[in-house]
Amino acid sequence: MVDHNSQIPYSEQADLEIDRHLTEGLTVSAGYQFVAAHHLVRAENLNVCPTGGLTNSATSCPPASTNPVLVNGDPAPDWPAGKDVFSGPLYFNSGLLYYADGSGNSVYHGLTFQANEQYKNLFQIGGNYTFSKTLDDGTFTTFISTPQDFYMRNLERANSNQDVRNRFVAHFVADAPEHSFLRNFELSSIVTMQSGRPFTMFVGSDANNDTNPVTDRVGTAARNSYWGDSLQAVDVRLSLFFKAREKGKLELAFAAFNMFNRPNVDEVTSVYGTYLFCGGQWGRRIRAQRSWGFGPRVCNRK
C-alpha cells in the first residue's frame, strides 16, 4: 500500500567554492556542498501489534514485553533494556502489510579540497580530497529497509548506506619530451583511497517477533553502525602512439587496474547470528573481525 496523502519529494542544494591561481601552473580550490532531500519514500510494516496491545471488533493482541521467551520457555538472557518484544501480528489473516509513505529525509554535507599542477605540456599532477557525511532514515522500499520498531521510527535515522567519510583521488600524466628517444610515450596513473562504508548488523531472525525476520538489529546498535574495510587502488596506464597518415594515429596501450592486487571488500554479509553482541563491548569485538562476513555466534544462546 502507498499513502495517497504523501507530499511530492523535493530537494535543497547549496554550495560555495573558492578557486585560486597561485603560480603559473598551480591552482587550488576549496568548496562546501549541502544537499537535503525531503518526503522520500519510507517503508514500514503495519501488521505489528502495538506495544500497549489492542482489542477491538476485528482483532485482539496482547501488549509487548521486555524480554522474549526462548524455545525451552526460559526468558532470553541479557536481552537489551528498552527494546520491545512484540506479541506478533495485528491481524493474523493479513500477512505482511507492506506500507510506504513520504516521511523520509536525507542530508549530505561535504568539504572538498583540490590542487592541480601543470609543468609546460609534459607533466600534470592533481589531487582531490573530500570529507563528507550523509544521514538518512531508511533507504529503498524493501523488507530489509522496514523499521526495526514501527512504533519508534525515529531510531532509524543514522548513517546512510552511501556515507563515505573520506575519499582521496590523485592522478598524474607524464609525456616524454618530443625530441627524445621516448617521444610519443605517455605514462599516467590514478590513485584512489576511501574509508569504509557503513553496514547494519542484523540478528538473522525475528528476535523481536514483529513478523519481519530481516530487520532485527543486534543489541541496541543503530542502523549502519559497523564500518567495512577501506578501499585502496592504484591504476597505471602506459601508451605509445604512431602517426598514421596526416590526420590519424595508432595508439597502443597497457593498463593495470589495482596494480598491487590489494583485496578491496565492497560488500559484507552482516548477519551476526544472535540478538546480543558476545561479551557486551561490541564495538571493540566487532572491529577485530574480518569484514567480509560474519558467521553465526553461539554465545550459549538460542
Protein backbone atom coordinates (compact mmCIF):
# COMPACT_ATOMS: atom_id res chain seq x y z
CA MET A 1 0.00 0.00 0.00
CA VAL A 2 1.06 3.59 -0.61
CA ASP A 3 -0.06 6.64 1.35
CA HIS A 4 -2.15 8.68 -1.10
CA ASN A 5 -1.59 11.80 1.01
CA SER A 6 2.18 11.69 0.59
CA GLN A 7 3.66 15.01 -0.45
CA ILE A 8 5.82 15.46 -3.55
CA PRO A 9 9.52 14.88 -2.78
CA TYR A 10 11.85 17.85 -3.16
CA SER A 11 15.48 18.70 -2.53
CA GLU A 12 17.51 21.68 -1.33
CA GLN A 13 21.04 22.38 -2.53
CA ALA A 14 23.69 24.93 -1.66
CA ASP A 15 27.38 25.17 -2.45
CA LEU A 16 30.31 27.51 -2.06
CA GLU A 17 33.69 27.23 -3.81
CA ILE A 18 36.84 29.34 -3.81
CA ASP A 19 39.46 28.92 -6.56
CA ARG A 20 42.92 30.44 -6.53
CA HIS A 21 45.62 30.53 -9.20
CA LEU A 22 48.79 30.61 -7.08
CA THR A 23 51.53 30.26 -9.69
CA GLU A 24 51.78 29.83 -13.44
CA GLY A 25 50.77 26.17 -13.31
CA LEU A 26 49.33 25.67 -9.81
CA THR A 27 45.65 26.08 -8.94
CA VAL A 28 43.94 25.22 -5.67
CA SER A 29 40.30 25.22 -4.60
CA ALA A 30 38.18 24.57 -1.56
CA GLY A 31 34.43 24.06 -1.50
CA TYR A 32 31.43 23.07 0.57
CA GLN A 33 28.27 21.38 -0.67
CA PHE A 34 24.95 20.82 1.10
CA VAL A 35 22.16 18.63 -0.26
CA ALA A 36 18.96 17.71 1.57
CA ALA A 37 16.00 15.67 0.33
CA HIS A 38 12.55 15.59 1.89
CA HIS A 39 9.39 13.48 1.64
CA LEU A 40 11.30 10.44 0.41
CA VAL A 41 9.57 7.08 0.29
CA ARG A 42 9.90 5.06 3.51
CA ALA A 43 8.76 1.51 4.07
CA GLU A 44 7.02 0.14 7.16
CA ASN A 45 5.09 -2.88 8.35
CA LEU A 46 1.57 -2.01 9.56
CA ASN A 47 0.75 -5.53 10.72
CA VAL A 48 2.53 -5.27 14.09
CA CYS A 49 0.58 -5.34 17.34
CA PRO A 50 1.02 -2.03 19.22
CA THR A 51 3.30 -2.04 22.24
CA GLY A 52 0.29 -1.48 24.50
CA GLY A 53 -1.78 -4.22 22.87
CA LEU A 54 -5.10 -3.77 21.09
CA THR A 55 -8.59 -5.23 21.35
CA ASN A 56 -11.46 -4.27 19.05
CA SER A 57 -14.18 -5.91 16.98
CA ALA A 58 -11.68 -7.01 14.32
CA THR A 59 -8.73 -8.31 16.33
CA SER A 60 -7.10 -8.75 19.69
CA CYS A 61 -3.42 -8.92 20.61
CA PRO A 62 -1.58 -8.61 23.96
CA PRO A 63 0.92 -5.87 24.84
CA ALA A 64 4.60 -6.11 24.01
CA SER A 65 7.00 -7.49 26.59
CA THR A 66 10.53 -6.50 27.56
CA ASN A 67 12.07 -9.96 27.22
CA PRO A 68 11.50 -12.73 24.65
CA VAL A 69 10.96 -16.35 25.58
CA LEU A 70 13.38 -18.95 24.21
CA VAL A 71 12.41 -22.28 22.70
CA ASN A 72 12.76 -24.02 26.07
CA GLY A 73 10.44 -21.48 27.74
CA ASP A 74 13.12 -19.54 29.62
CA PRO A 75 13.50 -15.78 29.21
CA ALA A 76 16.35 -14.70 26.95
CA PRO A 77 19.43 -13.76 28.99
CA ASP A 78 20.79 -10.22 28.62
CA TRP A 79 18.00 -9.00 26.36
CA PRO A 80 18.77 -5.30 25.63
CA ALA A 81 16.99 -2.97 28.03
CA GLY A 82 14.36 -0.77 26.41
CA LYS A 83 13.99 -2.98 23.33
CA ASP A 84 10.41 -4.23 22.93
CA VAL A 85 9.38 -7.76 22.03
CA PHE A 86 6.08 -7.64 20.17
CA SER A 87 3.26 -10.10 20.63
CA GLY A 88 3.09 -10.83 16.92
CA PRO A 89 0.89 -9.68 14.05
CA LEU A 90 -2.02 -7.31 14.48
CA TYR A 91 -4.14 -9.30 12.01
CA PHE A 92 -3.29 -12.99 11.62
CA ASN A 93 -5.01 -13.30 8.24
CA SER A 94 -3.23 -10.34 6.60
CA GLY A 95 0.40 -11.40 6.34
CA LEU A 96 2.95 -8.61 5.98
CA LEU A 97 1.12 -5.32 5.38
CA TYR A 98 3.84 -3.51 3.49
CA TYR A 99 3.18 0.22 3.50
CA ALA A 100 5.07 3.17 2.05
CA ASP A 101 4.73 6.86 2.80
CA GLY A 102 6.69 10.03 2.09
CA SER A 103 8.18 10.65 5.54
CA GLY A 104 11.83 10.02 4.63
CA ASN A 105 14.58 12.63 4.76
CA SER A 106 18.28 12.68 3.94
CA VAL A 107 21.09 15.21 4.21
CA TYR A 108 24.63 15.45 2.83
CA HIS A 109 27.46 17.72 3.96
CA GLY A 110 30.73 17.68 2.02
CA LEU A 111 34.02 19.59 2.18
CA THR A 112 36.30 19.33 -0.86
CA PHE A 113 39.91 20.40 -1.32
CA GLN A 114 41.64 20.22 -4.68
CA ALA A 115 45.05 21.08 -6.13
CA ASN A 116 46.39 20.80 -9.70
CA GLU A 117 49.86 21.49 -11.05
CA GLN A 118 50.94 21.57 -14.70
CA TYR A 119 54.52 21.86 -15.94
CA LYS A 120 54.59 23.01 -19.53
CA ASN A 121 52.92 20.31 -21.64
CA LEU A 122 54.93 17.45 -20.19
CA PHE A 123 53.61 16.78 -16.70
CA GLN A 124 50.32 17.18 -14.88
CA ILE A 125 49.52 16.17 -11.32
CA GLY A 126 46.43 16.70 -9.20
CA GLY A 127 44.68 15.60 -6.06
CA ASN A 128 41.18 15.83 -4.62
CA TYR A 129 40.13 15.14 -1.02
CA THR A 130 36.52 15.05 0.19
CA PHE A 131 35.36 14.86 3.80
CA SER A 132 31.63 14.24 3.97
CA LYS A 133 28.77 12.82 5.98
CA THR A 134 25.41 11.51 4.80
CA LEU A 135 22.45 10.81 7.09
CA ASP A 136 19.03 9.37 6.32
CA ASP A 137 16.26 7.39 7.99
CA GLY A 138 16.00 4.46 5.62
CA THR A 139 16.76 3.59 2.03
CA PHE A 140 14.92 1.58 -0.61
CA THR A 141 11.37 0.25 -0.41
CA THR A 142 12.34 -3.28 0.52
CA PHE A 143 11.59 -5.52 3.51
CA ILE A 144 15.13 -5.05 4.81
CA SER A 145 14.59 -1.27 4.97
CA THR A 146 11.45 -1.55 7.09
CA PRO A 147 11.99 0.00 10.55
CA GLN A 148 13.06 -2.44 13.24
CA ASP A 149 10.39 -0.95 15.52
CA PHE A 150 7.42 0.52 13.68
CA TYR A 151 6.43 2.49 16.79
CA MET A 152 9.90 4.03 17.26
CA ARG A 153 10.73 5.09 13.71
CA ASN A 154 12.95 7.91 14.97
CA LEU A 155 15.58 5.28 15.81
CA GLU A 156 16.10 4.64 12.08
CA ARG A 157 17.90 7.91 11.46
CA ALA A 158 21.58 7.11 11.15
CA ASN A 159 24.48 6.91 8.71
CA SER A 160 23.35 6.39 5.13
CA ASN A 161 24.34 3.37 3.06
CA GLN A 162 26.13 5.87 0.80
CA ASP A 163 28.09 7.50 3.62
CA VAL A 164 31.80 7.62 2.70
CA ARG A 165 33.56 9.91 5.19
CA ASN A 166 36.93 10.26 3.49
CA ARG A 167 37.83 9.97 -0.18
CA PHE A 168 41.12 10.92 -1.82
CA VAL A 169 41.85 10.70 -5.55
CA ALA A 170 45.20 11.68 -7.09
CA HIS A 171 46.36 11.46 -10.69
CA PHE A 172 49.32 12.31 -12.87
CA VAL A 173 50.03 12.33 -16.61
CA ALA A 174 53.63 12.39 -17.89
CA ASP A 175 54.51 12.84 -21.57
CA ALA A 176 58.02 12.20 -22.87
CA PRO A 177 59.80 15.19 -24.46
CA GLU A 178 59.05 15.45 -28.17
CA HIS A 179 62.68 15.34 -29.26
CA SER A 180 63.80 12.43 -27.02
CA PHE A 181 64.00 8.76 -27.93
CA LEU A 182 60.95 8.17 -25.70
CA ARG A 183 58.78 10.59 -27.68
CA ASN A 184 55.15 9.58 -28.15
CA PHE A 185 55.18 7.68 -24.84
CA GLU A 186 52.73 8.68 -22.11
CA LEU A 187 52.55 7.37 -18.52
CA SER A 188 49.55 8.06 -16.31
CA SER A 189 48.14 6.83 -13.03
CA ILE A 190 45.12 7.23 -10.76
CA VAL A 191 45.32 6.56 -7.01
CA THR A 192 42.04 6.08 -5.14
CA MET A 193 41.70 5.84 -1.36
CA GLN A 194 38.48 5.98 0.62
CA SER A 195 37.24 4.97 4.04
CA GLY A 196 34.87 2.06 4.52
CA ARG A 197 31.12 2.17 4.05
CA PRO A 198 28.68 1.50 6.91
CA PHE A 199 26.63 -1.67 7.28
CA THR A 200 23.86 -2.77 9.62
CA MET A 201 24.48 -5.73 11.94
CA PHE A 202 21.42 -8.00 11.71
CA VAL A 203 20.38 -10.80 14.04
CA GLY A 204 19.29 -13.03 11.17
CA SER A 205 15.93 -13.96 12.66
CA ASP A 206 12.76 -12.36 14.01
CA ALA A 207 14.13 -11.73 17.51
CA ASN A 208 11.57 -9.04 18.43
CA ASN A 209 8.60 -11.02 17.00
CA ASP A 210 7.32 -8.26 14.72
CA THR A 211 6.67 -10.73 11.84
CA ASN A 212 9.68 -9.46 9.83
CA PRO A 213 12.85 -11.57 10.25
CA VAL A 214 15.21 -9.38 8.20
CA THR A 215 15.18 -6.06 10.12
CA ASP A 216 16.22 -7.09 13.64
CA ARG A 217 19.46 -5.41 14.71
CA VAL A 218 21.90 -6.83 17.23
CA GLY A 219 21.66 -5.36 20.72
CA THR A 220 20.88 -1.66 20.74
CA ALA A 221 23.10 -0.91 17.74
CA ALA A 222 21.84 1.72 15.34
CA ARG A 223 21.48 1.32 11.60
CA ASN A 224 24.77 1.20 9.72
CA SER A 225 26.94 1.23 12.84
CA TYR A 226 29.53 -1.26 11.55
CA TRP A 227 32.18 0.15 9.21
CA GLY A 228 33.61 -2.01 6.46
CA ASP A 229 37.13 -2.03 5.06
CA SER A 230 38.76 0.94 3.37
CA LEU A 231 39.39 0.95 -0.38
CA GLN A 232 42.85 1.49 -1.84
CA ALA A 233 43.65 1.10 -5.52
CA VAL A 234 46.43 2.19 -7.88
CA ASP A 235 45.73 2.15 -11.63
CA VAL A 236 48.56 2.68 -14.15
CA ARG A 237 48.46 3.21 -17.92
CA LEU A 238 51.35 3.32 -20.42
CA SER A 239 50.65 4.26 -24.03
CA LEU A 240 52.55 4.78 -27.25
CA PHE A 241 51.15 6.30 -30.42
CA PHE A 242 52.29 6.26 -34.03
CA LYS A 243 51.24 8.74 -36.67
CA ALA A 244 49.16 7.19 -39.41
CA ARG A 245 48.80 9.39 -42.44
CA GLU A 246 48.27 13.11 -41.99
CA LYS A 247 45.25 13.22 -39.68
CA GLY A 248 45.32 9.85 -37.96
CA LYS A 249 47.32 7.96 -35.39
CA LEU A 250 47.56 4.44 -33.98
CA GLU A 251 47.80 4.08 -30.21
CA LEU A 252 48.99 1.04 -28.24
CA ALA A 253 48.23 0.99 -24.53
CA PHE A 254 48.89 -1.19 -21.48
CA ALA A 255 46.74 -0.68 -18.38
CA ALA A 256 46.94 -2.26 -14.91
CA PHE A 257 43.99 -1.84 -12.56
CA ASN A 258 44.58 -2.27 -8.82
CA MET A 259 48.21 -2.83 -9.71
CA PHE A 260 49.24 -4.07 -6.26
CA ASN A 261 46.37 -6.60 -6.21
CA ARG A 262 45.01 -5.38 -2.89
CA PRO A 263 41.80 -7.13 -1.75
CA ASN A 264 39.12 -4.42 -1.69
CA VAL A 265 35.95 -5.61 0.01
CA ASP A 266 32.86 -3.70 -1.14
CA GLU A 267 30.07 -5.75 0.47
CA VAL A 268 29.82 -7.78 3.67
CA THR A 269 27.48 -10.45 5.00
CA SER A 270 26.36 -8.63 8.12
CA VAL A 271 24.27 -11.35 9.80
CA TYR A 272 25.67 -11.76 13.33
CA GLY A 273 23.60 -14.80 14.31
CA THR A 274 22.30 -13.83 17.76
CA TYR A 275 20.43 -10.94 19.40
CA LEU A 276 23.30 -9.58 21.53
CA PHE A 277 26.98 -8.98 20.83
CA CYS A 278 29.09 -11.57 22.58
CA GLY A 279 30.96 -10.06 25.50
CA GLY A 280 28.89 -6.88 25.61
CA GLN A 281 31.59 -4.50 24.32
CA TRP A 282 30.51 -4.94 20.75
CA GLY A 283 32.45 -2.08 19.15
CA ARG A 284 35.88 -3.44 20.08
CA ARG A 285 34.98 -7.06 19.40
CA ILE A 286 33.36 -6.50 16.03
CA ARG A 287 36.21 -4.40 14.71
CA ALA A 288 38.52 -7.31 15.46
CA GLN A 289 36.63 -9.48 12.96
CA ARG A 290 37.39 -9.54 9.24
CA SER A 291 34.77 -7.50 7.43
CA TRP A 292 33.80 -9.79 4.58
CA GLY A 293 31.41 -11.90 6.61
CA PHE A 294 30.14 -12.92 9.99
CA GLY A 295 29.13 -16.46 10.82
CA PRO A 296 26.51 -17.38 13.44
CA ARG A 297 27.52 -16.56 17.01
CA VAL A 298 26.64 -19.13 19.63
CA CYS A 299 27.25 -17.22 22.90
CA ASN A 300 25.35 -20.00 24.73
CA ARG A 301 22.06 -18.58 23.47
CA LYS A 302 19.30 -19.99 21.30
